[in-house]
Amino acid sequence: MSMKTMMRIMTIPGLSGTRQLENCRMESMRHAQANLSRQTRSRLVTSMIGRVKVEKDKAR
């Protein structure tokens, strides 16, 4: 479900307490956490590669 669709659901009066909305929120949080984990891993790898290159240059 897209974020746009989810936001539309969230703005429908009377829907704020439904299980469907809660499921959408939980799914959104899972996706956000997965994306954050991927970004963190990517940044760590990029940082490590940069450090290895610097160490190689120092060794020359």
Protein backbone atom coordinates (compact mmCIF):
# COMPACT_ATOMS: atom_id res chain seq x y z
CA MET A 1 0.00 0.00 0.00
CA SER A 2 1.40 3.38 -0.93
CA MET A 3 1.96 6.13 1.59
CA LYS A 4 -0.55 8.30 -0.29
CA THR A 5 -3.26 5.64 0.06
CA MET A 6 -2.43 5.15 3.71
CA MET A 7 -2.64 8.87 4.41
CA ARG A 8 -6.04 8.93 2.72
CA ILE A 9 -7.22 6.13 5.00
CA MET A 10 -5.92 7.99 8.06
CA THR A 11 -7.97 11.06 7.24
CA ILE A 12 -11.33 9.27 6.91
CA PRO A 13 -13.41 10.20 9.99
CA GLY A 14 -14.22 7.24 12.21
CA LEU A 15 -11.49 5.05 10.79
CA SER A 16 -8.78 6.00 13.28
CA GLY A 17 -9.58 3.12 15.63
CA THR A 18 -10.02 0.35 13.07
CA ARG A 19 -7.85 -2.73 12.74
CA GLN A 20 -7.23 -1.91 9.05
CA LEU A 21 -5.63 1.40 9.97
CA GLU A 22 -3.60 -0.20 12.74
CA ASN A 23 -2.35 -2.84 10.30
CA CYS A 24 -1.37 -0.11 7.83
CA ARG A 25 0.53 1.75 10.53
CA MET A 26 2.36 -1.38 11.64
CA GLU A 27 3.26 -2.26 8.04
CA SER A 28 4.52 1.27 7.49
CA MET A 29 6.67 1.06 10.62
CA ARG A 30 8.14 -2.29 9.51
CA HIS A 31 9.03 -0.83 6.11
CA ALA A 32 10.53 2.28 7.70
CA GLN A 33 12.64 0.16 10.07
CA ALA A 34 13.83 -2.07 7.21
CA ASN A 35 14.76 0.99 5.13
CA LEU A 36 16.64 2.52 8.06
CA SER A 37 18.56 -0.71 8.60
CA ARG A 38 19.51 -0.86 4.91
CA GLN A 39 20.65 2.77 4.93
CA THR A 40 22.71 2.24 8.08
CA ARG A 41 24.36 -0.88 6.65
CA SER A 42 25.11 0.94 3.39
CA ARG A 43 26.67 3.89 5.21
CA LEU A 44 28.81 1.59 7.35
CA VAL A 45 30.08 -0.30 4.30
CA THR A 46 30.82 2.95 2.47
CA SER A 47 32.68 4.27 5.51
CA MET A 48 34.70 1.07 5.85
CA ILE A 49 35.65 1.12 2.17
CA GLY A 50 36.77 4.73 2.52
CA ARG A 51 38.93 3.87 5.52
CA VAL A 52 40.52 0.93 3.73
CA LYS A 53 41.40 3.20 0.80
CA VAL A 54 42.95 5.77 3.15
CA GLU A 55 45.00 3.07 4.89
CA LYS A 56 46.17 1.73 1.52
CA ASP A 57 47.25 5.22 0.45
CA LYS A 58 49.15 5.71 3.73
CA ALA A 59 50.96 2.40 3.24
CA ARG A 60 52.30 3.47 -0.17
